[in-house]
């Protein structure tokens, strides 16, 4: 949570460890409850780190604010707020003025959300390829799905579905749907029950996947619309390909694949092979190296897939 949203806590002076000129929680929880003195959180406030407070899960619990009669927002009210989680986040590097306009890295919140969703997509795939919508959704999931799944069988189709969007096609196999930020409820399509697998995504990330790009890939022509005073420059996005959080992916897949298919357990046991291959042997002079490949086993038969 944001440090300014914290209430009823005090810093623990002897837990002030940091790698430079602030605190980073490296000495353990550095915030205590003002009422009982028990350590409850870690404050991150050091140079080059995003300011945040990480609550200790074994010391706090969630309670609704506003009393028992507080009513969570409806899906329509959430849509009206348009609280999109940006896919890129700036890095504070005040020690290097040259980095002020440096590319923004992918948001850790997006990487974590994609790690969870990717595990669900593997389970929903049933060992077959999966197609996803184009644009940002394809950029987030396409490379990982091509690496982890075979290319031969007929693909299963995943589509974005949720409030404010057209009803999903009846032939869609997988639905990428939002999770309510207040209740934790996964969105369910109205009407007749569907057998499509629902892949949960945090609300702000789901909104970001379904929103059009804020800046077109080519310069716009013409004059500014009436009432628009200026154009903000496009976000200096990261040149690095998107990578889902491997820890979240592993944690989710362990839970989903317990007692499941052998090929899922094999992926779980060999996750590093999908991320780091063996060091390539040197090539003779004048020879070009072919695209990197990984040779993995899938469903009992060898399958060669691009990394």
C-alpha atoms as a PDB file:
ATOM      1  CA  UNK A   1       0.000   0.000   0.000  1.00  0.00           C
ATOM      2  CA  UNK A   2       1.055   3.633  -0.329  1.00  0.00           C
ATOM      3  CA  UNK A   3       2.918   4.966   2.737  1.00  0.00           C
ATOM      4  CA  UNK A   4       0.431   7.823   3.043  1.00  0.00           C
ATOM      5  CA  UNK A   5      -2.451   5.367   3.455  1.00  0.00           C
ATOM      6  CA  UNK A   6      -0.914   3.810   6.573  1.00  0.00           C
ATOM      7  CA  UNK A   7      -2.530   4.622   9.938  1.00  0.00           C
ATOM      8  CA  UNK A   8      -1.720   3.723  13.552  1.00  0.00           C
ATOM      9  CA  UNK A   9       1.885   2.632  12.992  1.00  0.00           C
ATOM     10  CA  UNK A  10       5.326   3.723  14.132  1.00  0.00           C
ATOM     11  CA  UNK A  11       8.779   3.160  12.670  1.00  0.00           C
ATOM     12  CA  UNK A  12      11.087   0.817  14.598  1.00  0.00           C
ATOM     13  CA  UNK A  13      14.411   2.745  14.856  1.00  0.00           C
ATOM     14  CA  UNK A  14      16.651  -0.323  15.244  1.00  0.00           C
ATOM     15  CA  UNK A  15      15.202  -1.818  12.032  1.00  0.00           C
ATOM     16  CA  UNK A  16      16.456   0.951   9.766  1.00  0.00           C
ATOM     17  CA  UNK A  17      18.495  -1.136   7.360  1.00  0.00           C
ATOM     18  CA  UNK A  18      18.843   0.050   3.784  1.00  0.00           C
ATOM     19  CA  UNK A  19      21.313  -0.194   0.949  1.00  0.00           C
ATOM     20  CA  UNK A  20      21.851   3.551   0.547  1.00  0.00           C
ATOM     21  CA  UNK A  21      20.176   6.547   2.211  1.00  0.00           C
ATOM     22  CA  UNK A  22      16.849   5.136   3.374  1.00  0.00           C
ATOM     23  CA  UNK A  23      15.078   2.022   4.616  1.00  0.00           C
ATOM     24  CA  UNK A  24      14.219  -1.069   2.600  1.00  0.00           C
ATOM     25  CA  UNK A  25      13.049  -3.653   5.148  1.00  0.00           C
ATOM     26  CA  UNK A  26      16.216  -5.739   4.845  1.00  0.00           C
ATOM     27  CA  UNK A  27      16.370  -6.030   8.675  1.00  0.00           C
ATOM     28  CA  UNK A  28      12.823  -7.373   8.881  1.00  0.00           C
ATOM     29  CA  UNK A  29       9.550  -5.516   9.505  1.00  0.00           C
ATOM     30  CA  UNK A  30      10.399  -1.944  10.467  1.00  0.00           C
ATOM     31  CA  UNK A  31       6.909  -0.687  11.354  1.00  0.00           C
ATOM     32  CA  UNK A  32       4.989  -1.573  14.497  1.00  0.00           C
ATOM     33  CA  UNK A  33       1.416  -1.163  15.639  1.00  0.00           C
ATOM     34  CA  UNK A  34       1.015   1.996  17.705  1.00  0.00           C
ATOM     35  CA  UNK A  35      -1.487   0.175  19.933  1.00  0.00           C
ATOM     36  CA  UNK A  36       0.380  -3.027  20.822  1.00  0.00           C
ATOM     37  CA  UNK A  37       3.932  -2.555  19.503  1.00  0.00           C
ATOM     38  CA  UNK A  38       3.866  -5.705  17.360  1.00  0.00           C
ATOM     39  CA  UNK A  39       5.786  -5.519  14.032  1.00  0.00           C
ATOM     40  CA  UNK A  40       3.189  -5.338  11.292  1.00  0.00           C
ATOM     41  CA  UNK A  41       4.833  -4.052   8.090  1.00  0.00           C
ATOM     42  CA  UNK A  42       7.975  -3.082   6.192  1.00  0.00           C
ATOM     43  CA  UNK A  43       8.436   0.458   4.911  1.00  0.00           C
ATOM     44  CA  UNK A  44      10.365   0.809   1.639  1.00  0.00           C
ATOM     45  CA  UNK A  45      11.788   4.302   1.175  1.00  0.00           C
ATOM     46  CA  UNK A  46      15.279   4.199  -0.302  1.00  0.00           C
ATOM     47  CA  UNK A  47      16.780   5.727  -3.413  1.00  0.00           C
ATOM     48  CA  UNK A  48      15.967   3.892  -6.681  1.00  0.00           C
ATOM     49  CA  UNK A  49      13.153   1.954  -4.929  1.00  0.00           C
ATOM     50  CA  UNK A  50       9.422   2.514  -5.236  1.00  0.00           C
ATOM     51  CA  UNK A  51       7.996   3.882  -1.982  1.00  0.00           C
ATOM     52  CA  UNK A  52       5.625   1.343  -0.462  1.00  0.00           C
ATOM     53  CA  UNK A  53       4.478  -0.345   2.742  1.00  0.00           C
ATOM     54  CA  UNK A  54       4.307  -4.149   2.653  1.00  0.00           C
ATOM     55  CA  UNK A  55       1.985  -5.507   5.333  1.00  0.00           C
ATOM     56  CA  UNK A  56       3.032  -8.705   7.116  1.00  0.00           C
ATOM     57  CA  UNK A  57       0.351 -11.292   6.231  1.00  0.00           C
ATOM     58  CA  UNK A  58       0.657 -13.053   9.609  1.00  0.00           C
ATOM     59  CA  UNK A  59       0.160  -9.820  11.563  1.00  0.00           C
ATOM     60  CA  UNK A  60      -2.785  -8.083   9.881  1.00  0.00           C
ATOM     61  CA  UNK A  61      -6.186  -9.001   8.481  1.00  0.00           C
ATOM     62  CA  UNK A  62      -8.505  -7.302   6.034  1.00  0.00           C
ATOM     63  CA  UNK A  63     -11.635  -5.588   7.336  1.00  0.00           C
ATOM     64  CA  UNK A  64     -14.163  -3.568   5.397  1.00  0.00           C
ATOM     65  CA  UNK A  65     -14.141   0.164   6.095  1.00  0.00           C
ATOM     66  CA  UNK A  66     -17.485   1.828   6.668  1.00  0.00           C
ATOM     67  CA  UNK A  67     -19.247  -0.754   8.804  1.00  0.00           C
ATOM     68  CA  UNK A  68     -21.266  -3.818   7.957  1.00  0.00           C
ATOM     69  CA  UNK A  69     -23.693  -1.819   5.818  1.00  0.00           C
ATOM     70  CA  UNK A  70     -21.018  -0.619   3.388  1.00  0.00           C
ATOM     71  CA  UNK A  71     -21.941  -1.733  -0.132  1.00  0.00           C
ATOM     72  CA  UNK A  72     -19.141  -2.504  -2.593  1.00  0.00           C
ATOM     73  CA  UNK A  73     -19.186  -0.777  -5.958  1.00  0.00           C
ATOM     74  CA  UNK A  74     -21.025  -2.456  -8.789  1.00  0.00           C
ATOM     75  CA  UNK A  75     -19.210  -3.503 -11.950  1.00  0.00           C
ATOM     76  CA  UNK A  76     -20.778  -0.542 -13.768  1.00  0.00           C
ATOM     77  CA  UNK A  77     -19.531   1.882 -11.092  1.00  0.00           C
ATOM     78  CA  UNK A  78     -16.048   0.390 -11.336  1.00  0.00           C
ATOM     79  CA  UNK A  79     -16.104   0.882 -15.095  1.00  0.00           C
ATOM     80  CA  UNK A  80     -17.026   4.543 -14.593  1.00  0.00           C
ATOM     81  CA  UNK A  81     -13.969   5.093 -12.377  1.00  0.00           C
ATOM     82  CA  UNK A  82     -11.569   3.788 -15.093  1.00  0.00           C
ATOM     83  CA  UNK A  83      -8.758   3.040 -12.631  1.00  0.00           C
ATOM     84  CA  UNK A  84      -6.312   1.386 -15.027  1.00  0.00           C
ATOM     85  CA  UNK A  85      -3.042  -0.038 -13.681  1.00  0.00           C
ATOM     86  CA  UNK A  86      -0.337   1.354 -16.024  1.00  0.00           C
ATOM     87  CA  UNK A  87       1.747  -1.407 -17.669  1.00  0.00           C
ATOM     88  CA  UNK A  88       4.929   0.659 -17.237  1.00  0.00           C
ATOM     89  CA  UNK A  89       6.243   2.374 -14.115  1.00  0.00           C
ATOM     90  CA  UNK A  90       9.068   4.923 -13.809  1.00  0.00           C
ATOM     91  CA  UNK A  91      12.185   4.176 -11.793  1.00  0.00           C
ATOM     92  CA  UNK A  92      13.370   6.940  -9.455  1.00  0.00           C
ATOM     93  CA  UNK A  93      17.078   7.471 -10.161  1.00  0.00           C
ATOM     94  CA  UNK A  94      17.886  10.963  -8.966  1.00  0.00           C
ATOM     95  CA  UNK A  95      21.616  10.164  -8.870  1.00  0.00           C
ATOM     96  CA  UNK A  96      21.717  10.045 -12.684  1.00  0.00           C
ATOM     97  CA  UNK A  97      20.107  12.967 -14.548  1.00  0.00           C
ATOM     98  CA  UNK A  98      20.655  11.093 -17.813  1.00  0.00           C
ATOM     99  CA  UNK A  99      18.069   8.530 -16.699  1.00  0.00           C
ATOM    100  CA  UNK A 100      15.247  11.034 -16.374  1.00  0.00           C
ATOM    101  CA  UNK A 101      13.997  10.123 -19.865  1.00  0.00           C
ATOM    102  CA  UNK A 102      15.147   6.498 -19.703  1.00  0.00           C
ATOM    103  CA  UNK A 103      12.683   3.773 -20.738  1.00  0.00           C
ATOM    104  CA  UNK A 104      10.195   2.811 -18.066  1.00  0.00           C
ATOM    105  CA  UNK A 105      10.332  -0.868 -17.062  1.00  0.00           C
ATOM    106  CA  UNK A 106       7.318  -3.154 -17.073  1.00  0.00           C
ATOM    107  CA  UNK A 107       5.187  -2.769 -13.954  1.00  0.00           C
ATOM    108  CA  UNK A 108       5.853  -5.450 -11.292  1.00  0.00           C
ATOM    109  CA  UNK A 109       2.089  -5.561 -10.729  1.00  0.00           C
ATOM    110  CA  UNK A 110       1.575  -6.551 -14.361  1.00  0.00           C
ATOM    111  CA  UNK A 111       4.353  -9.152 -14.157  1.00  0.00           C
ATOM    112  CA  UNK A 112       2.784 -10.681 -11.038  1.00  0.00           C
ATOM    113  CA  UNK A 113      -0.725 -10.667 -12.545  1.00  0.00           C
ATOM    114  CA  UNK A 114       0.577 -12.289 -15.728  1.00  0.00           C
ATOM    115  CA  UNK A 115       2.377 -14.975 -13.723  1.00  0.00           C
ATOM    116  CA  UNK A 116      -0.880 -15.983 -12.064  1.00  0.00           C
ATOM    117  CA  UNK A 117      -2.898 -15.789 -15.288  1.00  0.00           C
ATOM    118  CA  UNK A 118      -0.287 -17.764 -17.230  1.00  0.00           C
ATOM    119  CA  UNK A 119      -0.608 -20.690 -14.820  1.00  0.00           C
ATOM    120  CA  UNK A 120      -4.393 -20.638 -15.306  1.00  0.00           C
ATOM    121  CA  UNK A 121      -3.946 -20.490 -19.094  1.00  0.00           C
ATOM    122  CA  UNK A 122      -1.778 -23.603 -19.008  1.00  0.00           C
ATOM    123  CA  UNK A 123      -4.413 -25.501 -17.036  1.00  0.00           C
ATOM    124  CA  UNK A 124      -7.154 -24.262 -19.361  1.00  0.00           C
ATOM    125  CA  UNK A 125      -5.137 -25.214 -22.456  1.00  0.00           C
ATOM    126  CA  UNK A 126      -5.408 -28.961 -21.758  1.00  0.00           C
ATOM    127  CA  UNK A 127      -2.049 -29.352 -23.473  1.00  0.00           C
ATOM    128  CA  UNK A 128      -3.109 -27.575 -26.676  1.00  0.00           C
ATOM    129  CA  UNK A 129      -1.955 -24.227 -28.132  1.00  0.00           C
ATOM    130  CA  UNK A 130      -3.817 -21.127 -26.958  1.00  0.00           C
ATOM    131  CA  UNK A 131      -4.588 -18.047 -29.047  1.00  0.00           C
ATOM    132  CA  UNK A 132      -5.081 -14.664 -27.371  1.00  0.00           C
ATOM    133  CA  UNK A 133      -6.334 -11.286 -28.647  1.00  0.00           C
ATOM    134  CA  UNK A 134      -3.855  -9.017 -30.377  1.00  0.00           C
ATOM    135  CA  UNK A 135      -2.290  -5.875 -28.994  1.00  0.00           C
ATOM    136  CA  UNK A 136      -1.097  -5.683 -25.411  1.00  0.00           C
ATOM    137  CA  UNK A 137      -2.666  -9.038 -24.483  1.00  0.00           C
ATOM    138  CA  UNK A 138      -0.610 -10.757 -27.165  1.00  0.00           C
ATOM    139  CA  UNK A 139       2.545  -8.941 -26.061  1.00  0.00           C
ATOM    140  CA  UNK A 140       2.053 -10.132 -22.478  1.00  0.00           C
ATOM    141  CA  UNK A 141       1.152 -13.794 -23.089  1.00  0.00           C
ATOM    142  CA  UNK A 142       2.075 -14.861 -26.636  1.00  0.00           C
ATOM    143  CA  UNK A 143       5.792 -15.606 -26.173  1.00  0.00           C
ATOM    144  CA  UNK A 144       5.280 -17.572 -22.944  1.00  0.00           C
ATOM    145  CA  UNK A 145       2.422 -19.611 -24.393  1.00  0.00           C
ATOM    146  CA  UNK A 146       4.427 -20.457 -27.515  1.00  0.00           C
ATOM    147  CA  UNK A 147       7.277 -21.640 -25.313  1.00  0.00           C
ATOM    148  CA  UNK A 148       5.265 -23.708 -22.871  1.00  0.00           C
ATOM    149  CA  UNK A 149       2.702 -25.297 -25.224  1.00  0.00           C
ATOM    150  CA  UNK A 150       3.032 -27.437 -28.361  1.00  0.00           C
ATOM    151  CA  UNK A 151       2.218 -26.110 -31.824  1.00  0.00           C
ATOM    152  CA  UNK A 152       0.538 -29.124 -33.413  1.00  0.00           C
ATOM    153  CA  UNK A 153      -2.953 -29.712 -31.942  1.00  0.00           C
ATOM    154  CA  UNK A 154      -5.923 -27.436 -32.751  1.00  0.00           C
ATOM    155  CA  UNK A 155      -5.645 -24.304 -30.584  1.00  0.00           C
ATOM    156  CA  UNK A 156      -8.012 -23.200 -27.864  1.00  0.00           C
ATOM    157  CA  UNK A 157      -9.183 -19.590 -28.084  1.00  0.00           C
ATOM    158  CA  UNK A 158      -8.930 -17.113 -25.205  1.00  0.00           C
ATOM    159  CA  UNK A 159     -10.841 -13.818 -25.319  1.00  0.00           C
ATOM    160  CA  UNK A 160     -11.269 -10.816 -23.041  1.00  0.00           C
ATOM    161  CA  UNK A 161     -14.646 -10.811 -21.319  1.00  0.00           C
ATOM    162  CA  UNK A 162     -16.150  -8.678 -18.590  1.00  0.00           C
ATOM    163  CA  UNK A 163     -18.384  -5.717 -17.776  1.00  0.00           C
ATOM    164  CA  UNK A 164     -18.834  -3.185 -20.552  1.00  0.00           C
ATOM    165  CA  UNK A 165     -17.689  -5.621 -23.242  1.00  0.00           C
ATOM    166  CA  UNK A 166     -19.818  -7.566 -25.737  1.00  0.00           C
ATOM    167  CA  UNK A 167     -20.972 -10.999 -24.659  1.00  0.00           C
ATOM    168  CA  UNK A 168     -18.214 -13.548 -25.326  1.00  0.00           C
ATOM    169  CA  UNK A 169     -18.583 -15.796 -28.354  1.00  0.00           C
ATOM    170  CA  UNK A 170     -20.174 -19.155 -27.559  1.00  0.00           C
ATOM    171  CA  UNK A 171     -17.196 -20.927 -29.130  1.00  0.00           C
ATOM    172  CA  UNK A 172     -14.634 -19.202 -26.872  1.00  0.00           C
ATOM    173  CA  UNK A 173     -12.778 -21.777 -24.784  1.00  0.00           C
ATOM    174  CA  UNK A 174     -11.133 -19.429 -22.251  1.00  0.00           C
ATOM    175  CA  UNK A 175     -12.286 -16.101 -20.816  1.00  0.00           C
ATOM    176  CA  UNK A 176      -9.845 -13.512 -19.439  1.00  0.00           C
ATOM    177  CA  UNK A 177     -12.053 -11.878 -16.803  1.00  0.00           C
ATOM    178  CA  UNK A 178     -11.573  -9.297 -14.013  1.00  0.00           C
ATOM    179  CA  UNK A 179     -11.603  -9.790 -10.259  1.00  0.00           C
ATOM    180  CA  UNK A 180     -13.585  -7.289  -8.191  1.00  0.00           C
ATOM    181  CA  UNK A 181     -11.041  -5.161  -6.267  1.00  0.00           C
ATOM    182  CA  UNK A 182     -13.256  -4.932  -3.168  1.00  0.00           C
ATOM    183  CA  UNK A 183     -14.913  -8.336  -2.879  1.00  0.00           C
ATOM    184  CA  UNK A 184     -12.436 -10.595  -4.680  1.00  0.00           C
ATOM    185  CA  UNK A 185     -15.309 -11.942  -6.783  1.00  0.00           C
ATOM    186  CA  UNK A 186     -14.429 -13.208 -10.259  1.00  0.00           C
ATOM    187  CA  UNK A 187     -16.693 -11.793 -12.964  1.00  0.00           C
ATOM    188  CA  UNK A 188     -19.226 -14.276 -14.360  1.00  0.00           C
ATOM    189  CA  UNK A 189     -21.018 -13.790 -17.708  1.00  0.00           C
ATOM    190  CA  UNK A 190     -24.764 -13.339 -17.541  1.00  0.00           C
ATOM    191  CA  UNK A 191     -27.175 -15.639 -19.300  1.00  0.00           C
ATOM    192  CA  UNK A 192     -26.818 -19.381 -19.858  1.00  0.00           C
ATOM    193  CA  UNK A 193     -23.991 -21.094 -18.059  1.00  0.00           C
ATOM    194  CA  UNK A 194     -20.823 -21.419 -20.110  1.00  0.00           C
ATOM    195  CA  UNK A 195     -18.194 -24.111 -19.934  1.00  0.00           C
ATOM    196  CA  UNK A 196     -15.396 -21.695 -20.799  1.00  0.00           C
ATOM    197  CA  UNK A 197     -12.535 -21.565 -18.291  1.00  0.00           C
ATOM    198  CA  UNK A 198     -12.340 -18.184 -16.520  1.00  0.00           C
ATOM    199  CA  UNK A 199      -8.812 -16.825 -16.036  1.00  0.00           C
ATOM    200  CA  UNK A 200      -8.809 -14.177 -13.245  1.00  0.00           C
ATOM    201  CA  UNK A 201      -6.991 -10.869 -13.685  1.00  0.00           C
ATOM    202  CA  UNK A 202      -6.701  -7.919 -11.272  1.00  0.00           C
ATOM    203  CA  UNK A 203      -9.202  -5.223 -12.137  1.00  0.00           C
ATOM    204  CA  UNK A 204      -6.692  -2.534 -13.144  1.00  0.00           C
ATOM    205  CA  UNK A 205      -4.658  -4.934 -15.305  1.00  0.00           C
ATOM    206  CA  UNK A 206      -7.790  -6.274 -17.015  1.00  0.00           C
ATOM    207  CA  UNK A 207      -8.844  -2.714 -17.808  1.00  0.00           C
ATOM    208  CA  UNK A 208      -5.389  -2.032 -19.245  1.00  0.00           C
ATOM    209  CA  UNK A 209      -5.560  -5.070 -21.525  1.00  0.00           C
ATOM    210  CA  UNK A 210      -8.938  -4.003 -22.873  1.00  0.00           C
ATOM    211  CA  UNK A 211      -8.142  -0.296 -23.265  1.00  0.00           C
ATOM    212  CA  UNK A 212      -6.822   1.094 -26.543  1.00  0.00           C
ATOM    213  CA  UNK A 213      -3.236   2.302 -26.596  1.00  0.00           C
ATOM    214  CA  UNK A 214      -2.931   5.816 -25.247  1.00  0.00           C
ATOM    215  CA  UNK A 215      -0.488   6.779 -27.996  1.00  0.00           C
ATOM    216  CA  UNK A 216      -0.793   5.585 -31.604  1.00  0.00           C
ATOM    217  CA  UNK A 217       2.207   3.821 -33.175  1.00  0.00           C
ATOM    218  CA  UNK A 218       2.495   6.595 -35.810  1.00  0.00           C
ATOM    219  CA  UNK A 219       2.274  10.374 -35.349  1.00  0.00           C
ATOM    220  CA  UNK A 220      -1.244  11.790 -35.580  1.00  0.00           C
ATOM    221  CA  UNK A 221      -2.089  14.402 -38.194  1.00  0.00           C
ATOM    222  CA  UNK A 222      -4.372  17.415 -38.041  1.00  0.00           C
ATOM    223  CA  UNK A 223      -5.017  19.867 -35.218  1.00  0.00           C
ATOM    224  CA  UNK A 224      -5.784  19.229 -31.564  1.00  0.00           C
ATOM    225  CA  UNK A 225      -9.447  18.681 -30.664  1.00  0.00           C
ATOM    226  CA  UNK A 226     -11.320  21.571 -29.115  1.00  0.00           C
ATOM    227  CA  UNK A 227     -10.562  21.878 -25.406  1.00  0.00           C
ATOM    228  CA  UNK A 228      -7.234  19.998 -25.597  1.00  0.00           C
ATOM    229  CA  UNK A 229      -4.368  22.312 -24.674  1.00  0.00           C
ATOM    230  CA  UNK A 230      -1.395  19.997 -25.214  1.00  0.00           C
ATOM    231  CA  UNK A 231      -0.311  16.459 -25.951  1.00  0.00           C
ATOM    232  CA  UNK A 232       1.682  14.510 -23.378  1.00  0.00           C
ATOM    233  CA  UNK A 233       4.709  12.721 -24.826  1.00  0.00           C
ATOM    234  CA  UNK A 234       4.390   8.933 -25.100  1.00  0.00           C
ATOM    235  CA  UNK A 235       5.632   6.870 -22.183  1.00  0.00           C
ATOM    236  CA  UNK A 236       9.275   5.777 -22.799  1.00  0.00           C
ATOM    237  CA  UNK A 237       8.355   2.102 -22.598  1.00  0.00           C
ATOM    238  CA  UNK A 238      10.794  -0.683 -21.833  1.00  0.00           C
ATOM    239  CA  UNK A 239      12.606  -2.267 -24.811  1.00  0.00           C
ATOM    240  CA  UNK A 240      12.739  -5.578 -22.901  1.00  0.00           C
ATOM    241  CA  UNK A 241      10.185  -8.232 -23.847  1.00  0.00           C
ATOM    242  CA  UNK A 242       7.534  -8.822 -21.218  1.00  0.00           C
ATOM    243  CA  UNK A 243       8.285 -11.601 -18.720  1.00  0.00           C
ATOM    244  CA  UNK A 244       5.727 -12.899 -16.267  1.00  0.00           C
ATOM    245  CA  UNK A 245       6.818 -13.193 -12.640  1.00  0.00           C
ATOM    246  CA  UNK A 246       8.294 -16.677 -12.324  1.00  0.00           C
ATOM    247  CA  UNK A 247       7.705 -16.929  -8.558  1.00  0.00           C
ATOM    248  CA  UNK A 248       4.003 -16.119  -8.853  1.00  0.00           C
ATOM    249  CA  UNK A 249       3.708 -18.456 -11.829  1.00  0.00           C
ATOM    250  CA  UNK A 250       5.293 -21.325  -9.891  1.00  0.00           C
ATOM    251  CA  UNK A 251       3.214 -20.690  -6.761  1.00  0.00           C
ATOM    252  CA  UNK A 252      -0.051 -20.643  -8.732  1.00  0.00           C
ATOM    253  CA  UNK A 253       0.813 -23.666 -10.853  1.00  0.00           C
ATOM    254  CA  UNK A 254       1.685 -25.698  -7.738  1.00  0.00           C
ATOM    255  CA  UNK A 255      -1.802 -25.032  -6.400  1.00  0.00           C
ATOM    256  CA  UNK A 256      -3.596 -25.652  -9.700  1.00  0.00           C
ATOM    257  CA  UNK A 257      -1.651 -28.711 -10.845  1.00  0.00           C
ATOM    258  CA  UNK A 258      -1.816 -30.681  -7.583  1.00  0.00           C
ATOM    259  CA  UNK A 259      -2.814 -34.159  -8.665  1.00  0.00           C
ATOM    260  CA  UNK A 260      -3.180 -32.898 -12.257  1.00  0.00           C
ATOM    261  CA  UNK A 261      -1.702 -33.869 -15.583  1.00  0.00           C
ATOM    262  CA  UNK A 262       1.869 -35.204 -15.719  1.00  0.00           C
ATOM    263  CA  UNK A 263       2.861 -32.650 -18.371  1.00  0.00           C
ATOM    264  CA  UNK A 264       1.920 -29.805 -16.003  1.00  0.00           C
ATOM    265  CA  UNK A 265       4.044 -31.311 -13.240  1.00  0.00           C
ATOM    266  CA  UNK A 266       6.901 -31.691 -15.719  1.00  0.00           C
ATOM    267  CA  UNK A 267       6.723 -27.985 -16.587  1.00  0.00           C
ATOM    268  CA  UNK A 268       6.666 -27.182 -12.879  1.00  0.00           C
ATOM    269  CA  UNK A 269       9.773 -29.276 -12.248  1.00  0.00           C
ATOM    270  CA  UNK A 270      11.679 -27.786 -15.193  1.00  0.00           C
ATOM    271  CA  UNK A 271      10.721 -24.122 -15.123  1.00  0.00           C
ATOM    272  CA  UNK A 272      14.372 -22.965 -15.343  1.00  0.00           C
ATOM    273  CA  UNK A 273      14.686 -24.763 -18.695  1.00  0.00           C
ATOM    274  CA  UNK A 274      12.065 -22.442 -20.118  1.00  0.00           C
ATOM    275  CA  UNK A 275      13.963 -19.389 -18.915  1.00  0.00           C
ATOM    276  CA  UNK A 276      17.627 -20.312 -19.168  1.00  0.00           C
ATOM    277  CA  UNK A 277      18.984 -22.727 -21.729  1.00  0.00           C
ATOM    278  CA  UNK A 278      22.496 -24.232 -21.785  1.00  0.00           C
ATOM    279  CA  UNK A 279      25.336 -22.001 -22.928  1.00  0.00           C
ATOM    280  CA  UNK A 280      25.666 -22.323 -26.727  1.00  0.00           C
ATOM    281  CA  UNK A 281      28.849 -23.776 -28.170  1.00  0.00           C
ATOM    282  CA  UNK A 282      31.069 -21.415 -30.187  1.00  0.00           C
ATOM    283  CA  UNK A 283      30.429 -21.371 -33.933  1.00  0.00           C
ATOM    284  CA  UNK A 284      33.069 -21.665 -36.670  1.00  0.00           C
ATOM    285  CA  UNK A 285      34.054 -18.372 -38.345  1.00  0.00           C
ATOM    286  CA  UNK A 286      31.482 -17.163 -40.846  1.00  0.00           C
ATOM    287  CA  UNK A 287      28.614 -19.249 -39.485  1.00  0.00           C
ATOM    288  CA  UNK A 288      25.427 -17.564 -38.256  1.00  0.00           C
ATOM    289  CA  UNK A 289      23.650 -18.901 -35.207  1.00  0.00           C
ATOM    290  CA  UNK A 290      20.079 -20.172 -35.749  1.00  0.00           C
ATOM    291  CA  UNK A 291      17.266 -18.993 -33.441  1.00  0.00           C
ATOM    292  CA  UNK A 292      17.574 -20.303 -29.884  1.00  0.00           C
ATOM    293  CA  UNK A 293      15.431 -23.369 -29.252  1.00  0.00           C
ATOM    294  CA  UNK A 294      14.641 -25.553 -26.304  1.00  0.00           C
ATOM    295  CA  UNK A 295      13.999 -29.256 -26.684  1.00  0.00           C
ATOM    296  CA  UNK A 296      11.460 -30.288 -24.074  1.00  0.00           C
ATOM    297  CA  UNK A 297       9.204 -33.240 -23.528  1.00  0.00           C
ATOM    298  CA  UNK A 298       5.447 -32.720 -23.681  1.00  0.00           C
ATOM    299  CA  UNK A 299       2.841 -35.384 -23.134  1.00  0.00           C
ATOM    300  CA  UNK A 300       5.366 -38.195 -23.494  1.00  0.00           C
ATOM    301  CA  UNK A 301       6.712 -37.122 -26.898  1.00  0.00           C
ATOM    302  CA  UNK A 302       9.568 -34.728 -27.697  1.00  0.00           C
ATOM    303  CA  UNK A 303       8.467 -31.293 -28.828  1.00  0.00           C
ATOM    304  CA  UNK A 304      10.785 -28.572 -30.112  1.00  0.00           C
ATOM    305  CA  UNK A 305       9.575 -25.033 -29.395  1.00  0.00           C
ATOM    306  CA  UNK A 306      11.057 -21.595 -29.771  1.00  0.00           C
ATOM    307  CA  UNK A 307      12.264 -19.857 -26.649  1.00  0.00           C
END
